[in-house]
């Protein structure tokens, strides 16, 4: 006998998680294509479409300080 798993409709947390996974994927693709060891903060902003100029300004995500260590 086969068991069937029923999935509920996606909730807000699911949508946020999927969006985060998509953004991580975009960053991984950009990092794989990069010639340098790390993506610059400007390149990360470009990949994530942060601070894009548009008619309706989207909220921006503040950059983290440079990693020390």
Protein backbone atom coordinates (compact mmCIF):
# COMPACT_ATOMS: atom_id res chain seq x y z
CA UNK A 1 0.00 0.00 0.00
CA UNK A 2 1.30 3.48 -0.92
CA UNK A 3 1.23 6.38 1.50
CA UNK A 4 0.33 9.79 0.12
CA UNK A 5 1.75 12.93 1.70
CA UNK A 6 -0.59 15.89 1.56
CA UNK A 7 1.05 19.30 1.49
CA UNK A 8 -0.80 22.31 2.81
CA UNK A 9 -0.98 25.61 0.99
CA UNK A 10 2.21 27.64 1.33
CA UNK A 11 2.17 30.16 4.14
CA UNK A 12 4.10 33.41 4.52
CA UNK A 13 7.08 31.66 6.12
CA UNK A 14 7.29 29.26 3.18
CA UNK A 15 7.28 32.17 0.72
CA UNK A 16 10.03 33.97 2.64
CA UNK A 17 12.12 30.80 2.84
CA UNK A 18 11.74 30.17 -0.89
CA UNK A 19 12.75 33.76 -1.66
CA UNK A 20 15.84 33.40 0.54
CA UNK A 21 16.77 30.13 -1.17
CA UNK A 22 16.43 31.80 -4.57
CA UNK A 23 18.66 34.71 -3.49
CA UNK A 24 21.27 32.27 -2.13
CA UNK A 25 21.21 30.47 -5.46
CA UNK A 26 21.78 33.74 -7.32
CA UNK A 27 24.74 34.52 -5.07
CA UNK A 28 26.22 31.04 -5.58
CA UNK A 29 25.95 31.39 -9.35
CA UNK A 30 27.61 34.82 -9.23
CA UNK A 31 30.37 33.50 -6.96
CA UNK A 32 31.02 30.56 -9.28
CA UNK A 33 31.34 32.94 -12.24
CA UNK A 34 33.57 35.42 -10.39
CA UNK A 35 37.25 35.65 -11.22
CA UNK A 36 38.21 36.85 -7.75
CA UNK A 37 38.05 34.84 -4.53
CA UNK A 38 35.17 36.86 -3.04
CA UNK A 39 32.34 38.92 -4.40
CA UNK A 40 32.70 42.61 -3.67
CA UNK A 41 29.93 44.32 -1.70
CA UNK A 42 28.97 46.20 -4.87
CA UNK A 43 28.68 42.95 -6.85
CA UNK A 44 26.56 41.39 -4.10
CA UNK A 45 24.24 44.41 -4.20
CA UNK A 46 24.04 44.08 -7.98
CA UNK A 47 23.19 40.36 -7.82
CA UNK A 48 20.57 40.89 -5.12
CA UNK A 49 19.21 43.96 -6.91
CA UNK A 50 19.72 46.08 -3.78
CA UNK A 51 19.48 49.82 -4.19
CA UNK A 52 18.23 49.54 -7.76
CA UNK A 53 17.03 52.82 -9.19
CA UNK A 54 13.38 52.63 -10.09
CA UNK A 55 10.31 54.85 -10.12
CA UNK A 56 9.26 53.39 -6.79
CA UNK A 57 12.32 53.07 -4.58
CA UNK A 58 12.52 49.66 -2.93
CA UNK A 59 13.81 49.43 0.64
CA UNK A 60 17.50 48.58 0.80
CA UNK A 61 19.34 46.13 2.99
CA UNK A 62 22.24 47.68 4.90
CA UNK A 63 25.64 46.24 4.10
CA UNK A 64 27.46 44.33 6.77
CA UNK A 65 30.86 45.55 7.84
CA UNK A 66 33.88 43.91 6.30
CA UNK A 67 34.65 40.55 7.85
CA UNK A 68 37.77 40.71 9.99
CA UNK A 69 39.79 37.68 10.63
